[in-house]
């Protein structure tokens, strides 16, 4: 596995490098945002780890530019910002996951393995990647989503993964812990808000006031149900 780390804190880089060595991961470390972005474009990577605050170009801008240019690589953002609005911004710009500083190296390694495993497993047989419902047409191969025939073009990679999983299991209720494990690929580490943020973004992007799709089951979690109307909730 080959991972690019764009992080200006040399102590953090040294810690990550040590754990990379234990896991047999080839890591390359860049301390400047512009240089890191250019290095990303000039190489082939299995994952990208990028800090939010960087000299030259911040991590959010790097994520946005990578997604605009259609690079398919899992991105983990390192951030000292832990407010929901900051998390929403990072995820909206294309990060697949975030790790809040200070963090455990073991937790970071679990996140890396999870996001890379998800990307590696996204090559199913052609027909296994197609979902059709009353309102949705979802193609996991091309990662296209249509709602009532209208394309949804602004989903982040992880928003697509969550949407696909819920649409694939209509009316089934999942706890946040289950969604973290099955969509993100790692067990619960106390980041339930990750799920909440993604559900909130999906609702804004694909629902209407009269036709919700992603429903909160109070005290349990979430479900996808396109048969329910707003006045039934």
C-alpha atoms as a PDB file:
ATOM      1  CA  UNK A   1       0.000   0.000   0.000  1.00  0.00           C
ATOM      2  CA  UNK A   2       1.315   3.444  -0.951  1.00  0.00           C
ATOM      3  CA  UNK A   3      -0.045   6.469   0.933  1.00  0.00           C
ATOM      4  CA  UNK A   4       0.665  10.181   0.556  1.00  0.00           C
ATOM      5  CA  UNK A   5       0.546  12.198   3.777  1.00  0.00           C
ATOM      6  CA  UNK A   6       0.269  15.997   3.502  1.00  0.00           C
ATOM      7  CA  UNK A   7       0.929  17.243   7.033  1.00  0.00           C
ATOM      8  CA  UNK A   8       3.089  20.126   8.256  1.00  0.00           C
ATOM      9  CA  UNK A   9       3.534  18.854  11.836  1.00  0.00           C
ATOM     10  CA  UNK A  10       6.747  16.852  11.735  1.00  0.00           C
ATOM     11  CA  UNK A  11       6.001  15.096  15.035  1.00  0.00           C
ATOM     12  CA  UNK A  12       2.706  13.811  13.642  1.00  0.00           C
ATOM     13  CA  UNK A  13       4.495  12.692  10.469  1.00  0.00           C
ATOM     14  CA  UNK A  14       7.108  10.808  12.493  1.00  0.00           C
ATOM     15  CA  UNK A  15       4.412   9.028  14.492  1.00  0.00           C
ATOM     16  CA  UNK A  16       2.492   8.023  11.359  1.00  0.00           C
ATOM     17  CA  UNK A  17       5.704   6.930   9.627  1.00  0.00           C
ATOM     18  CA  UNK A  18       6.528   4.638  12.537  1.00  0.00           C
ATOM     19  CA  UNK A  19       3.165   2.901  12.335  1.00  0.00           C
ATOM     20  CA  UNK A  20       3.369   2.710   8.546  1.00  0.00           C
ATOM     21  CA  UNK A  21       6.646   0.808   8.941  1.00  0.00           C
ATOM     22  CA  UNK A  22       4.995  -1.684  11.309  1.00  0.00           C
ATOM     23  CA  UNK A  23       2.148  -2.240   8.843  1.00  0.00           C
ATOM     24  CA  UNK A  24       4.379  -2.510   5.766  1.00  0.00           C
ATOM     25  CA  UNK A  25       2.909   0.649   4.230  1.00  0.00           C
ATOM     26  CA  UNK A  26       4.991   2.828   1.935  1.00  0.00           C
ATOM     27  CA  UNK A  27       4.427   6.403   3.016  1.00  0.00           C
ATOM     28  CA  UNK A  28       5.537   9.670   1.462  1.00  0.00           C
ATOM     29  CA  UNK A  29       5.335  12.856   3.521  1.00  0.00           C
ATOM     30  CA  UNK A  30       4.974  16.420   2.256  1.00  0.00           C
ATOM     31  CA  UNK A  31       4.765  19.440   4.573  1.00  0.00           C
ATOM     32  CA  UNK A  32       3.259  22.036   2.212  1.00  0.00           C
ATOM     33  CA  UNK A  33      -0.221  22.063   0.677  1.00  0.00           C
ATOM     34  CA  UNK A  34       0.724  23.189  -2.836  1.00  0.00           C
ATOM     35  CA  UNK A  35       3.669  20.809  -3.015  1.00  0.00           C
ATOM     36  CA  UNK A  36       1.529  18.007  -1.635  1.00  0.00           C
ATOM     37  CA  UNK A  37      -1.214  18.574  -4.196  1.00  0.00           C
ATOM     38  CA  UNK A  38       1.314  18.591  -7.038  1.00  0.00           C
ATOM     39  CA  UNK A  39       2.958  15.438  -5.684  1.00  0.00           C
ATOM     40  CA  UNK A  40      -0.439  13.750  -5.507  1.00  0.00           C
ATOM     41  CA  UNK A  41      -1.109  14.482  -9.178  1.00  0.00           C
ATOM     42  CA  UNK A  42       2.292  13.153 -10.237  1.00  0.00           C
ATOM     43  CA  UNK A  43       1.961   9.761  -8.542  1.00  0.00           C
ATOM     44  CA  UNK A  44      -0.360   6.812  -7.974  1.00  0.00           C
ATOM     45  CA  UNK A  45      -1.681   6.383  -4.443  1.00  0.00           C
ATOM     46  CA  UNK A  46      -3.826   3.924  -2.521  1.00  0.00           C
ATOM     47  CA  UNK A  47      -4.921   6.636  -0.086  1.00  0.00           C
ATOM     48  CA  UNK A  48      -4.346  10.259   0.852  1.00  0.00           C
ATOM     49  CA  UNK A  49      -4.081  11.632   4.370  1.00  0.00           C
ATOM     50  CA  UNK A  50      -4.287  15.416   4.463  1.00  0.00           C
ATOM     51  CA  UNK A  51      -4.248  17.924   7.300  1.00  0.00           C
ATOM     52  CA  UNK A  52      -6.894  20.659   7.364  1.00  0.00           C
ATOM     53  CA  UNK A  53      -4.505  23.536   8.146  1.00  0.00           C
ATOM     54  CA  UNK A  54      -1.504  23.649   5.809  1.00  0.00           C
ATOM     55  CA  UNK A  55       0.838  26.290   4.424  1.00  0.00           C
ATOM     56  CA  UNK A  56       0.367  27.030   0.736  1.00  0.00           C
ATOM     57  CA  UNK A  57      -3.019  25.333   0.284  1.00  0.00           C
ATOM     58  CA  UNK A  58      -5.365  24.072   2.986  1.00  0.00           C
ATOM     59  CA  UNK A  59      -6.613  20.499   3.128  1.00  0.00           C
ATOM     60  CA  UNK A  60     -10.207  21.376   2.272  1.00  0.00           C
ATOM     61  CA  UNK A  61      -9.092  23.008  -0.976  1.00  0.00           C
ATOM     62  CA  UNK A  62      -6.924  19.996  -1.792  1.00  0.00           C
ATOM     63  CA  UNK A  63      -9.903  17.669  -1.309  1.00  0.00           C
ATOM     64  CA  UNK A  64     -12.157  19.855  -3.446  1.00  0.00           C
ATOM     65  CA  UNK A  65      -9.649  20.068  -6.305  1.00  0.00           C
ATOM     66  CA  UNK A  66      -9.002  16.308  -6.256  1.00  0.00           C
ATOM     67  CA  UNK A  67     -12.722  15.532  -6.467  1.00  0.00           C
ATOM     68  CA  UNK A  68     -13.300  18.154  -9.176  1.00  0.00           C
ATOM     69  CA  UNK A  69     -10.644  16.429 -11.251  1.00  0.00           C
ATOM     70  CA  UNK A  70     -12.368  13.032 -10.685  1.00  0.00           C
ATOM     71  CA  UNK A  71      -9.483  11.287  -8.931  1.00  0.00           C
ATOM     72  CA  UNK A  72     -10.827   8.109  -7.308  1.00  0.00           C
ATOM     73  CA  UNK A  73      -8.770   7.795  -4.143  1.00  0.00           C
ATOM     74  CA  UNK A  74      -9.878   7.494  -0.501  1.00  0.00           C
ATOM     75  CA  UNK A  75      -9.119  10.640   1.504  1.00  0.00           C
ATOM     76  CA  UNK A  76      -8.802  10.909   5.280  1.00  0.00           C
ATOM     77  CA  UNK A  77      -8.634  14.400   6.732  1.00  0.00           C
ATOM     78  CA  UNK A  78      -6.727  15.171   9.906  1.00  0.00           C
ATOM     79  CA  UNK A  79      -8.203  18.096  11.785  1.00  0.00           C
ATOM     80  CA  UNK A  80      -8.137  19.866  15.134  1.00  0.00           C
ATOM     81  CA  UNK A  81     -11.606  21.203  14.286  1.00  0.00           C
ATOM     82  CA  UNK A  82     -14.378  19.123  15.841  1.00  0.00           C
ATOM     83  CA  UNK A  83     -17.530  21.194  15.279  1.00  0.00           C
ATOM     84  CA  UNK A  84     -20.273  19.711  13.128  1.00  0.00           C
ATOM     85  CA  UNK A  85     -20.063  22.567  10.625  1.00  0.00           C
ATOM     86  CA  UNK A  86     -16.352  21.927  10.100  1.00  0.00           C
ATOM     87  CA  UNK A  87     -16.966  18.203   9.650  1.00  0.00           C
ATOM     88  CA  UNK A  88     -19.722  18.929   7.140  1.00  0.00           C
ATOM     89  CA  UNK A  89     -17.389  21.173   5.157  1.00  0.00           C
ATOM     90  CA  UNK A  90     -14.611  18.594   5.022  1.00  0.00           C
ATOM     91  CA  UNK A  91     -16.948  15.791   4.003  1.00  0.00           C
ATOM     92  CA  UNK A  92     -18.754  17.997   1.486  1.00  0.00           C
ATOM     93  CA  UNK A  93     -15.455  18.852  -0.179  1.00  0.00           C
ATOM     94  CA  UNK A  94     -14.727  15.161  -0.759  1.00  0.00           C
ATOM     95  CA  UNK A  95     -13.060  13.659   2.299  1.00  0.00           C
ATOM     96  CA  UNK A  96     -14.227  10.094   2.971  1.00  0.00           C
ATOM     97  CA  UNK A  97     -13.458  10.239   6.664  1.00  0.00           C
ATOM     98  CA  UNK A  98     -11.865  12.500   9.241  1.00  0.00           C
ATOM     99  CA  UNK A  99      -9.749  11.927  12.348  1.00  0.00           C
ATOM    100  CA  UNK A 100      -9.766  14.599  15.040  1.00  0.00           C
ATOM    101  CA  UNK A 101      -6.481  15.595  16.657  1.00  0.00           C
ATOM    102  CA  UNK A 102      -5.108  14.406  18.984  1.00  0.00           C
ATOM    103  CA  UNK A 103      -5.704  10.883  17.731  1.00  0.00           C
ATOM    104  CA  UNK A 104      -4.588   7.344  18.427  1.00  0.00           C
ATOM    105  CA  UNK A 105      -2.334   5.889  15.701  1.00  0.00           C
ATOM    106  CA  UNK A 106      -4.266   2.621  16.038  1.00  0.00           C
ATOM    107  CA  UNK A 107      -7.488   4.450  15.256  1.00  0.00           C
ATOM    108  CA  UNK A 108      -5.896   6.103  12.217  1.00  0.00           C
ATOM    109  CA  UNK A 109      -4.662   2.719  10.970  1.00  0.00           C
ATOM    110  CA  UNK A 110      -8.159   1.257  11.378  1.00  0.00           C
ATOM    111  CA  UNK A 111      -9.629   4.130   9.346  1.00  0.00           C
ATOM    112  CA  UNK A 112      -7.002   3.711   6.611  1.00  0.00           C
ATOM    113  CA  UNK A 113      -7.704  -0.004   6.287  1.00  0.00           C
ATOM    114  CA  UNK A 114     -11.448   0.631   6.256  1.00  0.00           C
ATOM    115  CA  UNK A 115     -11.540   3.279   3.527  1.00  0.00           C
ATOM    116  CA  UNK A 116      -9.050   1.457   1.303  1.00  0.00           C
ATOM    117  CA  UNK A 117     -10.964  -1.794   1.709  1.00  0.00           C
ATOM    118  CA  UNK A 118     -14.156  -0.062   0.645  1.00  0.00           C
ATOM    119  CA  UNK A 119     -12.522   1.279  -2.521  1.00  0.00           C
ATOM    120  CA  UNK A 120     -10.957  -2.086  -3.349  1.00  0.00           C
ATOM    121  CA  UNK A 121     -14.312  -3.826  -3.017  1.00  0.00           C
ATOM    122  CA  UNK A 122     -16.123  -1.441  -5.373  1.00  0.00           C
ATOM    123  CA  UNK A 123     -15.666  -3.659  -8.441  1.00  0.00           C
ATOM    124  CA  UNK A 124     -18.708  -5.986  -8.321  1.00  0.00           C
ATOM    125  CA  UNK A 125     -20.218  -7.841 -11.227  1.00  0.00           C
ATOM    126  CA  UNK A 126     -22.012  -5.463 -13.536  1.00  0.00           C
ATOM    127  CA  UNK A 127     -25.602  -6.338 -12.646  1.00  0.00           C
ATOM    128  CA  UNK A 128     -24.829  -6.493  -8.922  1.00  0.00           C
ATOM    129  CA  UNK A 129     -24.097  -2.779  -9.030  1.00  0.00           C
ATOM    130  CA  UNK A 130     -27.547  -1.670 -10.252  1.00  0.00           C
ATOM    131  CA  UNK A 131     -30.406  -0.671  -7.963  1.00  0.00           C
ATOM    132  CA  UNK A 132     -33.848   0.415  -9.169  1.00  0.00           C
ATOM    133  CA  UNK A 133     -36.709   1.515  -6.937  1.00  0.00           C
ATOM    134  CA  UNK A 134     -39.827   3.628  -7.426  1.00  0.00           C
ATOM    135  CA  UNK A 135     -37.829   6.863  -7.246  1.00  0.00           C
ATOM    136  CA  UNK A 136     -34.162   5.813  -7.458  1.00  0.00           C
ATOM    137  CA  UNK A 137     -31.805   4.462 -10.100  1.00  0.00           C
ATOM    138  CA  UNK A 138     -28.349   3.859  -8.633  1.00  0.00           C
ATOM    139  CA  UNK A 139     -25.345   2.429 -10.452  1.00  0.00           C
ATOM    140  CA  UNK A 140     -22.469   1.376  -8.222  1.00  0.00           C
ATOM    141  CA  UNK A 141     -20.151   0.824 -11.196  1.00  0.00           C
ATOM    142  CA  UNK A 142     -20.475   4.334 -12.626  1.00  0.00           C
ATOM    143  CA  UNK A 143     -21.482   5.810  -9.223  1.00  0.00           C
ATOM    144  CA  UNK A 144     -24.448   7.564 -10.815  1.00  0.00           C
ATOM    145  CA  UNK A 145     -27.651   8.404  -8.951  1.00  0.00           C
ATOM    146  CA  UNK A 146     -30.972   9.435 -10.506  1.00  0.00           C
ATOM    147  CA  UNK A 147     -33.996  10.483  -8.460  1.00  0.00           C
ATOM    148  CA  UNK A 148     -37.196  10.501 -10.499  1.00  0.00           C
ATOM    149  CA  UNK A 149     -35.020  10.665 -13.609  1.00  0.00           C
ATOM    150  CA  UNK A 150     -33.000  13.670 -12.457  1.00  0.00           C
ATOM    151  CA  UNK A 151     -29.259  13.081 -11.942  1.00  0.00           C
ATOM    152  CA  UNK A 152     -27.751  13.833  -8.540  1.00  0.00           C
ATOM    153  CA  UNK A 153     -24.235  15.004  -9.338  1.00  0.00           C
ATOM    154  CA  UNK A 154     -22.979  16.546  -6.094  1.00  0.00           C
ATOM    155  CA  UNK A 155     -22.603  13.480  -3.838  1.00  0.00           C
ATOM    156  CA  UNK A 156     -19.277  12.887  -2.125  1.00  0.00           C
ATOM    157  CA  UNK A 157     -17.865   9.334  -2.343  1.00  0.00           C
ATOM    158  CA  UNK A 158     -18.961   8.422   1.164  1.00  0.00           C
ATOM    159  CA  UNK A 159     -22.410   9.963   0.704  1.00  0.00           C
ATOM    160  CA  UNK A 160     -22.828   7.713  -2.320  1.00  0.00           C
ATOM    161  CA  UNK A 161     -21.701   4.661  -0.334  1.00  0.00           C
ATOM    162  CA  UNK A 162     -24.188   5.397   2.451  1.00  0.00           C
ATOM    163  CA  UNK A 163     -27.030   6.072   0.003  1.00  0.00           C
ATOM    164  CA  UNK A 164     -26.305   2.861  -1.893  1.00  0.00           C
ATOM    165  CA  UNK A 165     -26.242   0.761   1.267  1.00  0.00           C
ATOM    166  CA  UNK A 166     -29.531   2.148   2.602  1.00  0.00           C
ATOM    167  CA  UNK A 167     -31.308   1.917  -0.764  1.00  0.00           C
ATOM    168  CA  UNK A 168     -30.033  -1.654  -1.044  1.00  0.00           C
ATOM    169  CA  UNK A 169     -31.792  -2.469   2.260  1.00  0.00           C
ATOM    170  CA  UNK A 170     -35.178  -0.672   2.078  1.00  0.00           C
ATOM    171  CA  UNK A 171     -37.130  -0.231   5.326  1.00  0.00           C
ATOM    172  CA  UNK A 172     -34.406  -1.951   7.335  1.00  0.00           C
ATOM    173  CA  UNK A 173     -33.401   0.036  10.398  1.00  0.00           C
ATOM    174  CA  UNK A 174     -29.677   0.395  11.102  1.00  0.00           C
ATOM    175  CA  UNK A 175     -28.043   1.838  14.189  1.00  0.00           C
ATOM    176  CA  UNK A 176     -25.268   4.368  13.761  1.00  0.00           C
ATOM    177  CA  UNK A 177     -22.768   1.779  14.959  1.00  0.00           C
ATOM    178  CA  UNK A 178     -23.951  -0.678  12.283  1.00  0.00           C
ATOM    179  CA  UNK A 179     -23.651   1.940   9.550  1.00  0.00           C
ATOM    180  CA  UNK A 180     -20.156   2.882  10.684  1.00  0.00           C
ATOM    181  CA  UNK A 181     -19.107  -0.753  10.482  1.00  0.00           C
ATOM    182  CA  UNK A 182     -20.872  -1.650   7.222  1.00  0.00           C
ATOM    183  CA  UNK A 183     -20.419   1.552   5.212  1.00  0.00           C
ATOM    184  CA  UNK A 184     -17.207   2.964   6.679  1.00  0.00           C
ATOM    185  CA  UNK A 185     -15.812  -0.467   7.477  1.00  0.00           C
ATOM    186  CA  UNK A 186     -14.676   0.075  11.050  1.00  0.00           C
ATOM    187  CA  UNK A 187     -16.170  -0.623  14.422  1.00  0.00           C
ATOM    188  CA  UNK A 188     -17.600   2.089  16.626  1.00  0.00           C
ATOM    189  CA  UNK A 189     -14.988   4.502  18.024  1.00  0.00           C
ATOM    190  CA  UNK A 190     -17.333   7.161  19.387  1.00  0.00           C
ATOM    191  CA  UNK A 191     -17.900   9.073  16.125  1.00  0.00           C
ATOM    192  CA  UNK A 192     -21.656   8.668  15.722  1.00  0.00           C
ATOM    193  CA  UNK A 193     -21.823  12.220  14.375  1.00  0.00           C
ATOM    194  CA  UNK A 194     -20.119  10.996  11.203  1.00  0.00           C
ATOM    195  CA  UNK A 195     -23.327   9.157  10.304  1.00  0.00           C
ATOM    196  CA  UNK A 196     -25.574  12.042  11.357  1.00  0.00           C
ATOM    197  CA  UNK A 197     -23.638  14.515   9.195  1.00  0.00           C
ATOM    198  CA  UNK A 198     -23.854  12.286   6.123  1.00  0.00           C
ATOM    199  CA  UNK A 199     -27.578  11.637   6.582  1.00  0.00           C
ATOM    200  CA  UNK A 200     -28.180  15.378   6.905  1.00  0.00           C
ATOM    201  CA  UNK A 201     -26.298  16.028   3.666  1.00  0.00           C
ATOM    202  CA  UNK A 202     -28.160  13.265   1.799  1.00  0.00           C
ATOM    203  CA  UNK A 203     -31.486  14.711   2.892  1.00  0.00           C
ATOM    204  CA  UNK A 204     -30.552  18.122   1.535  1.00  0.00           C
ATOM    205  CA  UNK A 205     -29.376  16.713  -1.783  1.00  0.00           C
ATOM    206  CA  UNK A 206     -32.054  14.171  -2.719  1.00  0.00           C
ATOM    207  CA  UNK A 207     -35.209  14.818  -0.669  1.00  0.00           C
ATOM    208  CA  UNK A 208     -38.079  17.257  -1.046  1.00  0.00           C
ATOM    209  CA  UNK A 209     -40.307  18.665   1.674  1.00  0.00           C
ATOM    210  CA  UNK A 210     -43.126  16.310   0.696  1.00  0.00           C
ATOM    211  CA  UNK A 211     -41.020  13.231  -0.075  1.00  0.00           C
ATOM    212  CA  UNK A 212     -38.444  12.185   2.509  1.00  0.00           C
ATOM    213  CA  UNK A 213     -36.388   9.044   1.949  1.00  0.00           C
ATOM    214  CA  UNK A 214     -34.009   8.773   4.908  1.00  0.00           C
ATOM    215  CA  UNK A 215     -35.958   8.469   8.125  1.00  0.00           C
ATOM    216  CA  UNK A 216     -34.837   8.738  11.730  1.00  0.00           C
ATOM    217  CA  UNK A 217     -36.080   5.918  13.933  1.00  0.00           C
ATOM    218  CA  UNK A 218     -35.805   7.539  17.331  1.00  0.00           C
ATOM    219  CA  UNK A 219     -33.650   5.653  19.795  1.00  0.00           C
ATOM    220  CA  UNK A 220     -32.437   3.239  17.111  1.00  0.00           C
ATOM    221  CA  UNK A 221     -30.963   4.821  13.983  1.00  0.00           C
ATOM    222  CA  UNK A 222     -31.931   5.349  10.341  1.00  0.00           C
ATOM    223  CA  UNK A 223     -33.759   3.635   7.485  1.00  0.00           C
ATOM    224  CA  UNK A 224     -34.495   4.194   3.802  1.00  0.00           C
ATOM    225  CA  UNK A 225     -38.234   4.157   3.020  1.00  0.00           C
ATOM    226  CA  UNK A 226     -39.580   5.906  -0.078  1.00  0.00           C
ATOM    227  CA  UNK A 227     -43.149   4.820   0.640  1.00  0.00           C
ATOM    228  CA  UNK A 228     -43.433   7.124   3.663  1.00  0.00           C
ATOM    229  CA  UNK A 229     -44.573  10.721   3.242  1.00  0.00           C
ATOM    230  CA  UNK A 230     -43.609  13.691   5.355  1.00  0.00           C
ATOM    231  CA  UNK A 231     -46.948  13.849   7.174  1.00  0.00           C
ATOM    232  CA  UNK A 232     -46.585  10.197   8.195  1.00  0.00           C
ATOM    233  CA  UNK A 233     -43.406  10.759  10.203  1.00  0.00           C
END
